[in-house]
PDB file of N, CA and C in Angstrom:
ATOM      1  N   MET A   1      -2.184  26.602  63.904  1.00  0.00           N
ATOM      2  CA  MET A   1      -2.987  25.425  64.142  1.00  0.00           C
ATOM      3  C   MET A   1      -3.272  24.786  62.796  1.00  0.00           C
ATOM      4  N   PHE A   2      -3.069  23.505  62.702  1.00  0.00           N
ATOM      5  CA  PHE A   2      -3.366  22.775  61.480  1.00  0.00           C
ATOM      6  C   PHE A   2      -4.623  21.959  61.687  1.00  0.00           C
ATOM      7  N   LEU A   3      -5.461  21.910  60.672  1.00  0.00           N
ATOM      8  CA  LEU A   3      -6.718  21.179  60.727  1.00  0.00           C
ATOM      9  C   LEU A   3      -6.789  20.286  59.509  1.00  0.00           C
ATOM     10  N   LYS A   4      -7.086  19.013  59.709  1.00  0.00           N
ATOM     11  CA  LYS A   4      -7.139  18.049  58.620  1.00  0.00           C
ATOM     12  C   LYS A   4      -8.561  17.526  58.497  1.00  0.00           C
ATOM     13  N   PHE A   5      -9.124  17.562  57.296  1.00  0.00           N
ATOM     14  CA  PHE A   5     -10.449  16.990  57.071  1.00  0.00           C
ATOM     15  C   PHE A   5     -10.551  16.455  55.656  1.00  0.00           C
ATOM     16  N   GLN A   6     -11.523  15.577  55.441  1.00  0.00           N
ATOM     17  CA  GLN A   6     -11.656  14.895  54.162  1.00  0.00           C
ATOM     18  C   GLN A   6     -12.924  15.340  53.459  1.00  0.00           C
ATOM     19  N   THR A   7     -12.811  15.678  52.183  1.00  0.00           N
ATOM     20  CA  THR A   7     -13.968  16.021  51.357  1.00  0.00           C
ATOM     21  C   THR A   7     -13.842  15.290  50.036  1.00  0.00           C
ATOM     22  N   GLU A   8     -14.873  14.574  49.673  1.00  0.00           N
ATOM     23  CA  GLU A   8     -14.940  13.903  48.373  1.00  0.00           C
ATOM     24  C   GLU A   8     -13.625  13.206  48.017  1.00  0.00           C
ATOM     25  N   GLU A   9     -13.168  12.306  48.877  1.00  0.00           N
ATOM     26  CA  GLU A   9     -11.967  11.520  48.635  1.00  0.00           C
ATOM     27  C   GLU A   9     -10.678  12.337  48.717  1.00  0.00           C
ATOM     28  N   VAL A  10     -10.742  13.601  49.095  1.00  0.00           N
ATOM     29  CA  VAL A  10      -9.548  14.435  49.193  1.00  0.00           C
ATOM     30  C   VAL A  10      -9.381  14.858  50.648  1.00  0.00           C
ATOM     31  N   ILE A  11      -8.189  14.703  51.166  1.00  0.00           N
ATOM     32  CA  ILE A  11      -7.910  15.167  52.522  1.00  0.00           C
ATOM     33  C   ILE A  11      -7.278  16.540  52.418  1.00  0.00           C
ATOM     34  N   MET A  12      -7.868  17.488  53.121  1.00  0.00           N
ATOM     35  CA  MET A  12      -7.357  18.856  53.122  1.00  0.00           C
ATOM     36  C   MET A  12      -6.733  19.150  54.478  1.00  0.00           C
ATOM     37  N   ILE A  13      -5.662  19.893  54.464  1.00  0.00           N
ATOM     38  CA  ILE A  13      -5.058  20.368  55.703  1.00  0.00           C
ATOM     39  C   ILE A  13      -5.079  21.885  55.642  1.00  0.00           C
ATOM     40  N   MET A  14      -5.714  22.485  56.629  1.00  0.00           N
ATOM     41  CA  MET A  14      -5.812  23.943  56.690  1.00  0.00           C
ATOM     42  C   MET A  14      -4.897  24.466  57.792  1.00  0.00           C
ATOM     43  N   GLN A  15      -4.275  25.582  57.546  1.00  0.00           N
ATOM     44  CA  GLN A  15      -3.533  26.258  58.591  1.00  0.00           C
ATOM     45  C   GLN A  15      -4.380  27.447  59.018  1.00  0.00           C
ATOM     46  N   LEU A  16      -4.813  27.440  60.268  1.00  0.00           N
ATOM     47  CA  LEU A  16      -5.699  28.464  60.794  1.00  0.00           C
ATOM     48  C   LEU A  16      -5.051  29.166  61.978  1.00  0.00           C
ATOM     49  N   THR A  17      -5.533  30.339  62.289  1.00  0.00           N
ATOM     50  CA  THR A  17      -5.015  31.109  63.412  1.00  0.00           C
ATOM     51  C   THR A  17      -5.710  30.688  64.698  1.00  0.00           C
ATOM     52  N   ALA A  18      -4.934  30.470  65.740  1.00  0.00           N
ATOM     53  CA  ALA A  18      -5.484  30.160  67.059  1.00  0.00           C
ATOM     54  C   ALA A  18      -4.998  31.226  68.034  1.00  0.00           C
ATOM     55  N   ILE A  19      -5.934  31.825  68.752  1.00  0.00           N
ATOM     56  CA  ILE A  19      -5.610  32.850  69.747  1.00  0.00           C
ATOM     57  C   ILE A  19      -5.983  32.281  71.115  1.00  0.00           C
ATOM     58  N   PHE A  20      -5.038  32.339  72.057  1.00  0.00           N
ATOM     59  CA  PHE A  20      -5.271  31.811  73.394  1.00  0.00           C
ATOM     60  C   PHE A  20      -5.202  32.934  74.414  1.00  0.00           C
ATOM     61  N   LYS A  21      -6.089  32.851  75.390  1.00  0.00           N
ATOM     62  CA  LYS A  21      -6.122  33.874  76.436  1.00  0.00           C
ATOM     63  C   LYS A  21      -6.281  33.182  77.780  1.00  0.00           C
ATOM     64  N   GLU A  22      -5.412  33.547  78.730  1.00  0.00           N
ATOM     65  CA  GLU A  22      -5.540  33.019  80.080  1.00  0.00           C
ATOM     66  C   GLU A  22      -6.713  33.727  80.756  1.00  0.00           C
ATOM     67  N   GLU A  23      -7.609  32.960  81.350  1.00  0.00           N
ATOM     68  CA  GLU A  23      -8.809  33.514  81.982  1.00  0.00           C
ATOM     69  C   GLU A  23      -8.586  33.731  83.477  1.00  0.00           C
ATOM     70  N   LYS A  24      -9.181  34.785  84.026  1.00  0.00           N
ATOM     71  CA  LYS A  24      -9.045  35.099  85.454  1.00  0.00           C
ATOM     72  C   LYS A  24      -9.539  33.959  86.336  1.00  0.00           C
ATOM     73  N   GLU A  25     -10.624  33.296  85.888  1.00  0.00           N
ATOM     74  CA  GLU A  25     -11.223  32.218  86.668  1.00  0.00           C
ATOM     75  C   GLU A  25     -10.393  30.943  86.612  1.00  0.00           C
ATOM     76  N   GLY A  26      -9.402  30.929  85.754  1.00  0.00           N
ATOM     77  CA  GLY A  26      -8.572  29.749  85.542  1.00  0.00           C
ATOM     78  C   GLY A  26      -8.809  29.182  84.166  1.00  0.00           C
ATOM     79  N   GLY A  27      -7.852  28.479  83.664  1.00  0.00           N
ATOM     80  CA  GLY A  27      -7.958  27.884  82.342  1.00  0.00           C
ATOM     81  C   GLY A  27      -7.675  28.888  81.239  1.00  0.00           C
ATOM     82  N   TYR A  28      -7.930  28.451  80.021  1.00  0.00           N
ATOM     83  CA  TYR A  28      -7.634  29.256  78.839  1.00  0.00           C
ATOM     84  C   TYR A  28      -8.801  29.201  77.865  1.00  0.00           C
ATOM     85  N   SER A  29      -9.062  30.327  77.225  1.00  0.00           N
ATOM     86  CA  SER A  29     -10.016  30.335  76.118  1.00  0.00           C
ATOM     87  C   SER A  29      -9.202  30.304  74.830  1.00  0.00           C
ATOM     88  N   ALA A  30      -9.807  29.766  73.789  1.00  0.00           N
ATOM     89  CA  ALA A  30      -9.131  29.639  72.494  1.00  0.00           C
ATOM     90  C   ALA A  30     -10.107  30.064  71.409  1.00  0.00           C
ATOM     91  N   TYR A  31      -9.604  30.764  70.398  1.00  0.00           N
ATOM     92  CA  TYR A  31     -10.464  31.302  69.341  1.00  0.00           C
ATOM     93  C   TYR A  31      -9.793  31.142  67.991  1.00  0.00           C
ATOM     94  N   CYS A  32     -10.541  30.669  67.017  1.00  0.00           N
ATOM     95  CA  CYS A  32     -10.082  30.588  65.628  1.00  0.00           C
ATOM     96  C   CYS A  32     -10.766  31.717  64.861  1.00  0.00           C
ATOM     97  N   SER A  33     -10.004  32.729  64.506  1.00  0.00           N
ATOM     98  CA  SER A  33     -10.592  33.924  63.890  1.00  0.00           C
ATOM     99  C   SER A  33     -11.147  33.668  62.494  1.00  0.00           C
ATOM    100  N   GLU A  34     -10.549  32.764  61.726  1.00  0.00           N
ATOM    101  CA  GLU A  34     -11.033  32.518  60.369  1.00  0.00           C
ATOM    102  C   GLU A  34     -12.417  31.883  60.348  1.00  0.00           C
ATOM    103  N   LEU A  35     -12.697  30.996  61.312  1.00  0.00           N
ATOM    104  CA  LEU A  35     -13.982  30.301  61.330  1.00  0.00           C
ATOM    105  C   LEU A  35     -14.951  30.883  62.353  1.00  0.00           C
ATOM    106  N   GLY A  36     -14.458  31.721  63.259  1.00  0.00           N
ATOM    107  CA  GLY A  36     -15.313  32.270  64.308  1.00  0.00           C
ATOM    108  C   GLY A  36     -15.690  31.216  65.341  1.00  0.00           C
ATOM    109  N   VAL A  37     -14.798  30.260  65.568  1.00  0.00           N
ATOM    110  CA  VAL A  37     -15.058  29.146  66.483  1.00  0.00           C
ATOM    111  C   VAL A  37     -14.239  29.358  67.757  1.00  0.00           C
ATOM    112  N   ALA A  38     -14.850  29.083  68.904  1.00  0.00           N
ATOM    113  CA  ALA A  38     -14.169  29.250  70.180  1.00  0.00           C
ATOM    114  C   ALA A  38     -14.296  27.983  71.018  1.00  0.00           C
ATOM    115  N   SER A  39     -13.357  27.824  71.947  1.00  0.00           N
ATOM    116  CA  SER A  39     -13.390  26.704  72.883  1.00  0.00           C
ATOM    117  C   SER A  39     -12.602  27.110  74.117  1.00  0.00           C
ATOM    118  N   GLN A  40     -12.383  26.153  75.005  1.00  0.00           N
ATOM    119  CA  GLN A  40     -11.625  26.440  76.226  1.00  0.00           C
ATOM    120  C   GLN A  40     -10.992  25.166  76.757  1.00  0.00           C
ATOM    121  N   GLY A  41     -10.110  25.323  77.738  1.00  0.00           N
ATOM    122  CA  GLY A  41      -9.480  24.176  78.371  1.00  0.00           C
ATOM    123  C   GLY A  41      -8.741  24.619  79.614  1.00  0.00           C
ATOM    124  N   GLU A  42      -8.382  23.659  80.443  1.00  0.00           N
ATOM    125  CA  GLU A  42      -7.650  23.964  81.684  1.00  0.00           C
ATOM    126  C   GLU A  42      -6.213  24.377  81.405  1.00  0.00           C
ATOM    127  N   THR A  43      -5.619  23.849  80.334  1.00  0.00           N
ATOM    128  CA  THR A  43      -4.259  24.198  79.923  1.00  0.00           C
ATOM    129  C   THR A  43      -4.303  24.693  78.485  1.00  0.00           C
ATOM    130  N   VAL A  44      -3.206  25.299  78.028  1.00  0.00           N
ATOM    131  CA  VAL A  44      -3.142  25.749  76.632  1.00  0.00           C
ATOM    132  C   VAL A  44      -3.281  24.553  75.699  1.00  0.00           C
ATOM    133  N   GLU A  45      -2.599  23.457  76.025  1.00  0.00           N
ATOM    134  CA  GLU A  45      -2.678  22.264  75.170  1.00  0.00           C
ATOM    135  C   GLU A  45      -4.098  21.713  75.103  1.00  0.00           C
ATOM    136  N   GLU A  46      -4.798  21.684  76.237  1.00  0.00           N
ATOM    137  CA  GLU A  46      -6.186  21.202  76.235  1.00  0.00           C
ATOM    138  C   GLU A  46      -7.083  22.158  75.448  1.00  0.00           C
ATOM    139  N   ALA A  47      -6.863  23.462  75.605  1.00  0.00           N
ATOM    140  CA  ALA A  47      -7.645  24.446  74.851  1.00  0.00           C
ATOM    141  C   ALA A  47      -7.401  24.288  73.353  1.00  0.00           C
ATOM    142  N   LYS A  48      -6.144  24.027  72.967  1.00  0.00           N
ATOM    143  CA  LYS A  48      -5.811  23.829  71.553  1.00  0.00           C
ATOM    144  C   LYS A  48      -6.498  22.578  71.017  1.00  0.00           C
ATOM    145  N   LYS A  49      -6.415  21.482  71.770  1.00  0.00           N
ATOM    146  CA  LYS A  49      -7.058  20.229  71.364  1.00  0.00           C
ATOM    147  C   LYS A  49      -8.565  20.429  71.208  1.00  0.00           C
ATOM    148  N   ASN A  50      -9.179  21.122  72.163  1.00  0.00           N
ATOM    149  CA  ASN A  50     -10.623  21.365  72.103  1.00  0.00           C
ATOM    150  C   ASN A  50     -10.996  22.290  70.945  1.00  0.00           C
ATOM    151  N   LEU A  51     -10.128  23.270  70.649  1.00  0.00           N
ATOM    152  CA  LEU A  51     -10.399  24.178  69.528  1.00  0.00           C
ATOM    153  C   LEU A  51     -10.316  23.425  68.203  1.00  0.00           C
ATOM    154  N   ILE A  52      -9.328  22.557  68.061  1.00  0.00           N
ATOM    155  CA  ILE A  52      -9.221  21.764  66.835  1.00  0.00           C
ATOM    156  C   ILE A  52     -10.468  20.913  66.660  1.00  0.00           C
ATOM    157  N   GLU A  53     -10.917  20.269  67.736  1.00  0.00           N
ATOM    158  CA  GLU A  53     -12.133  19.452  67.671  1.00  0.00           C
ATOM    159  C   GLU A  53     -13.348  20.300  67.297  1.00  0.00           C
ATOM    160  N   ALA A  54     -13.458  21.485  67.882  1.00  0.00           N
ATOM    161  CA  ALA A  54     -14.581  22.372  67.576  1.00  0.00           C
ATOM    162  C   ALA A  54     -14.551  22.813  66.112  1.00  0.00           C
ATOM    163  N   CYS A  55     -13.367  23.107  65.588  1.00  0.00           N
ATOM    164  CA  CYS A  55     -13.235  23.498  64.177  1.00  0.00           C
ATOM    165  C   CYS A  55     -13.587  22.333  63.261  1.00  0.00           C
ATOM    166  N   GLU A  56     -13.143  21.128  63.622  1.00  0.00           N
ATOM    167  CA  GLU A  56     -13.475  19.954  62.814  1.00  0.00           C
ATOM    168  C   GLU A  56     -14.989  19.719  62.795  1.00  0.00           C
ATOM    169  N   LEU A  57     -15.639  19.888  63.942  1.00  0.00           N
ATOM    170  CA  LEU A  57     -17.100  19.733  63.998  1.00  0.00           C
ATOM    171  C   LEU A  57     -17.802  20.813  63.173  1.00  0.00           C
ATOM    172  N   TYR A  58     -17.281  22.026  63.217  1.00  0.00           N
ATOM    173  CA  TYR A  58     -17.839  23.129  62.432  1.00  0.00           C
ATOM    174  C   TYR A  58     -17.760  22.799  60.939  1.00  0.00           C
ATOM    175  N   ILE A  59     -16.600  22.318  60.508  1.00  0.00           N
ATOM    176  CA  ILE A  59     -16.412  21.989  59.089  1.00  0.00           C
ATOM    177  C   ILE A  59     -17.255  20.783  58.700  1.00  0.00           C
ATOM    178  N   GLU A  60     -17.348  19.797  59.584  1.00  0.00           N
ATOM    179  CA  GLU A  60     -18.191  18.622  59.314  1.00  0.00           C
ATOM    180  C   GLU A  60     -19.650  19.049  59.136  1.00  0.00           C
ATOM    181  N   SER A  61     -20.125  19.947  59.979  1.00  0.00           N
ATOM    182  CA  SER A  61     -21.496  20.462  59.846  1.00  0.00           C
ATOM    183  C   SER A  61     -21.676  21.214  58.535  1.00  0.00           C
ATOM    184  N   ALA A  62     -20.658  21.991  58.164  1.00  0.00           N
ATOM    185  CA  ALA A  62     -20.714  22.733  56.896  1.00  0.00           C
ATOM    186  C   ALA A  62     -20.800  21.764  55.722  1.00  0.00           C
ATOM    187  N   LYS A  63     -20.064  20.651  55.797  1.00  0.00           N
ATOM    188  CA  LYS A  63     -20.131  19.637  54.733  1.00  0.00           C
ATOM    189  C   LYS A  63     -21.538  19.063  54.643  1.00  0.00           C
ATOM    190  N   GLU A  64     -22.109  18.717  55.794  1.00  0.00           N
ATOM    191  CA  GLU A  64     -23.453  18.130  55.813  1.00  0.00           C
ATOM    192  C   GLU A  64     -24.519  19.094  55.290  1.00  0.00           C
ATOM    193  N   LEU A  65     -24.305  20.388  55.504  1.00  0.00           N
ATOM    194  CA  LEU A  65     -25.259  21.405  55.048  1.00  0.00           C
ATOM    195  C   LEU A  65     -24.969  21.889  53.626  1.00  0.00           C
ATOM    196  N   GLY A  66     -23.931  21.327  53.003  1.00  0.00           N
ATOM    197  CA  GLY A  66     -23.580  21.727  51.642  1.00  0.00           C
ATOM    198  C   GLY A  66     -22.923  23.091  51.567  1.00  0.00           C
ATOM    199  N   MET A  67     -22.282  23.516  52.654  1.00  0.00           N
ATOM    200  CA  MET A  67     -21.674  24.846  52.710  1.00  0.00           C
ATOM    201  C   MET A  67     -20.146  24.817  52.687  1.00  0.00           C
ATOM    202  N   ILE A  68     -19.563  23.638  52.522  1.00  0.00           N
ATOM    203  CA  ILE A  68     -18.108  23.527  52.590  1.00  0.00           C
ATOM    204  C   ILE A  68     -17.424  24.331  51.486  1.00  0.00           C
ATOM    205  N   LYS A  69     -18.040  24.390  50.317  1.00  0.00           N
ATOM    206  CA  LYS A  69     -17.455  25.157  49.210  1.00  0.00           C
ATOM    207  C   LYS A  69     -17.352  26.635  49.586  1.00  0.00           C
ATOM    208  N   ASP A  70     -18.384  27.161  50.240  1.00  0.00           N
ATOM    209  CA  ASP A  70     -18.367  28.564  50.665  1.00  0.00           C
ATOM    210  C   ASP A  70     -17.243  28.838  51.657  1.00  0.00           C
ATOM    211  N   ILE A  71     -17.052  27.916  52.590  1.00  0.00           N
ATOM    212  CA  ILE A  71     -16.002  28.091  53.591  1.00  0.00           C
ATOM    213  C   ILE A  71     -14.628  28.036  52.940  1.00  0.00           C
ATOM    214  N   LYS A  72     -14.411  27.065  52.061  1.00  0.00           N
ATOM    215  CA  LYS A  72     -13.118  26.960  51.380  1.00  0.00           C
ATOM    216  C   LYS A  72     -12.842  28.209  50.548  1.00  0.00           C
ATOM    217  N   GLU A  73     -13.862  28.725  49.886  1.00  0.00           N
ATOM    218  CA  GLU A  73     -13.713  29.946  49.095  1.00  0.00           C
ATOM    219  C   GLU A  73     -13.327  31.127  49.970  1.00  0.00           C
ATOM    220  N   GLU A  74     -14.037  31.276  51.073  1.00  0.00           N
ATOM    221  CA  GLU A  74     -13.774  32.389  51.982  1.00  0.00           C
ATOM    222  C   GLU A  74     -12.364  32.298  52.566  1.00  0.00           C
ATOM    223  N   LEU A  75     -11.949  31.097  52.940  1.00  0.00           N
ATOM    224  CA  LEU A  75     -10.614  30.926  53.507  1.00  0.00           C
ATOM    225  C   LEU A  75      -9.523  31.179  52.477  1.00  0.00           C
ATOM    226  N   SER A  76      -9.785  30.868  51.218  1.00  0.00           N
ATOM    227  CA  SER A  76      -8.758  31.063  50.199  1.00  0.00           C
ATOM    228  C   SER A  76      -8.637  32.521  49.767  1.00  0.00           C
ATOM    229  N   THR A  77      -9.685  33.311  49.962  1.00  0.00           N
ATOM    230  CA  THR A  77      -9.636  34.707  49.532  1.00  0.00           C
ATOM    231  C   THR A  77      -9.339  35.668  50.670  1.00  0.00           C
ATOM    232  N   ASN A  78      -9.534  35.240  51.906  1.00  0.00           N
ATOM    233  CA  ASN A  78      -9.282  36.109  53.055  1.00  0.00           C
ATOM    234  C   ASN A  78      -7.964  35.754  53.705  1.00  0.00           C
ATOM    235  N   SER A  79      -7.158  36.768  53.942  1.00  0.00           N
ATOM    236  CA  SER A  79      -5.950  36.536  54.712  1.00  0.00           C
ATOM    237  C   SER A  79      -6.104  37.254  56.044  1.00  0.00           C
ATOM    238  N   VAL A  80      -5.539  36.678  57.065  1.00  0.00           N
ATOM    239  CA  VAL A  80      -5.630  37.256  58.402  1.00  0.00           C
ATOM    240  C   VAL A  80      -4.328  37.974  58.676  1.00  0.00           C
ATOM    241  N   LEU A  81      -4.427  39.208  59.064  1.00  0.00           N
ATOM    242  CA  LEU A  81      -3.252  39.992  59.413  1.00  0.00           C
ATOM    243  C   LEU A  81      -3.270  40.203  60.919  1.00  0.00           C
ATOM    244  N   ASN A  82      -2.162  39.904  61.558  1.00  0.00           N
ATOM    245  CA  ASN A  82      -2.030  40.126  63.002  1.00  0.00           C
ATOM    246  C   ASN A  82      -1.189  41.356  63.208  1.00  0.00           C
ATOM    247  N   GLY A  83      -1.568  42.152  64.178  1.00  0.00           N
ATOM    248  CA  GLY A  83      -0.808  43.332  64.473  1.00  0.00           C
ATOM    249  C   GLY A  83      -1.066  43.802  65.895  1.00  0.00           C
ATOM    250  N   VAL A  84      -0.365  44.803  66.300  1.00  0.00           N
ATOM    251  CA  VAL A  84      -0.515  45.395  67.623  1.00  0.00           C
ATOM    252  C   VAL A  84      -1.043  46.803  67.447  1.00  0.00           C
ATOM    253  N   ILE A  85      -1.992  47.182  68.289  1.00  0.00           N
ATOM    254  CA  ILE A  85      -2.543  48.534  68.240  1.00  0.00           C
ATOM    255  C   ILE A  85      -2.356  49.196  69.602  1.00  0.00           C
ATOM    256  N   SER A  86      -2.337  50.498  69.624  1.00  0.00           N
ATOM    257  CA  SER A  86      -2.261  51.261  70.870  1.00  0.00           C
ATOM    258  C   SER A  86      -3.592  51.952  71.088  1.00  0.00           C
ATOM    259  N   VAL A  87      -4.084  51.886  72.311  1.00  0.00           N
ATOM    260  CA  VAL A  87      -5.368  52.483  72.650  1.00  0.00           C
ATOM    261  C   VAL A  87      -5.158  53.421  73.820  1.00  0.00           C
ATOM    262  N   SER A  88      -5.655  54.658  73.716  1.00  0.00           N
ATOM    263  CA  SER A  88      -5.556  55.609  74.807  1.00  0.00           C
ATOM    264  C   SER A  88      -6.688  55.385  75.798  1.00  0.00           C
ATOM    265  N   VAL A  89      -6.361  55.376  77.073  1.00  0.00           N
ATOM    266  CA  VAL A  89      -7.383  55.215  78.116  1.00  0.00           C
ATOM    267  C   VAL A  89      -7.194  56.232  79.215  1.00  0.00           C
TER     268      VAL A  89
END
């Protein structure tokens, strides 16, 4: 998932992880692990669109609160590793 936002005359594009899950009740949930932001939609595309909007609002709020530097720092130092695990049940 790519996210584009503007800070101090600079437009930044972030590549973030999006995880989608089909829900039993119908529709899809969507989660951005780097920002801890979640959303949902009736289709995967709608869930993706809503997640991007939610992430943009999260970053906009961080800018207004003067926390954007902290988020950029955290994103630049943390890498997300995806993997598969086995669980005994």
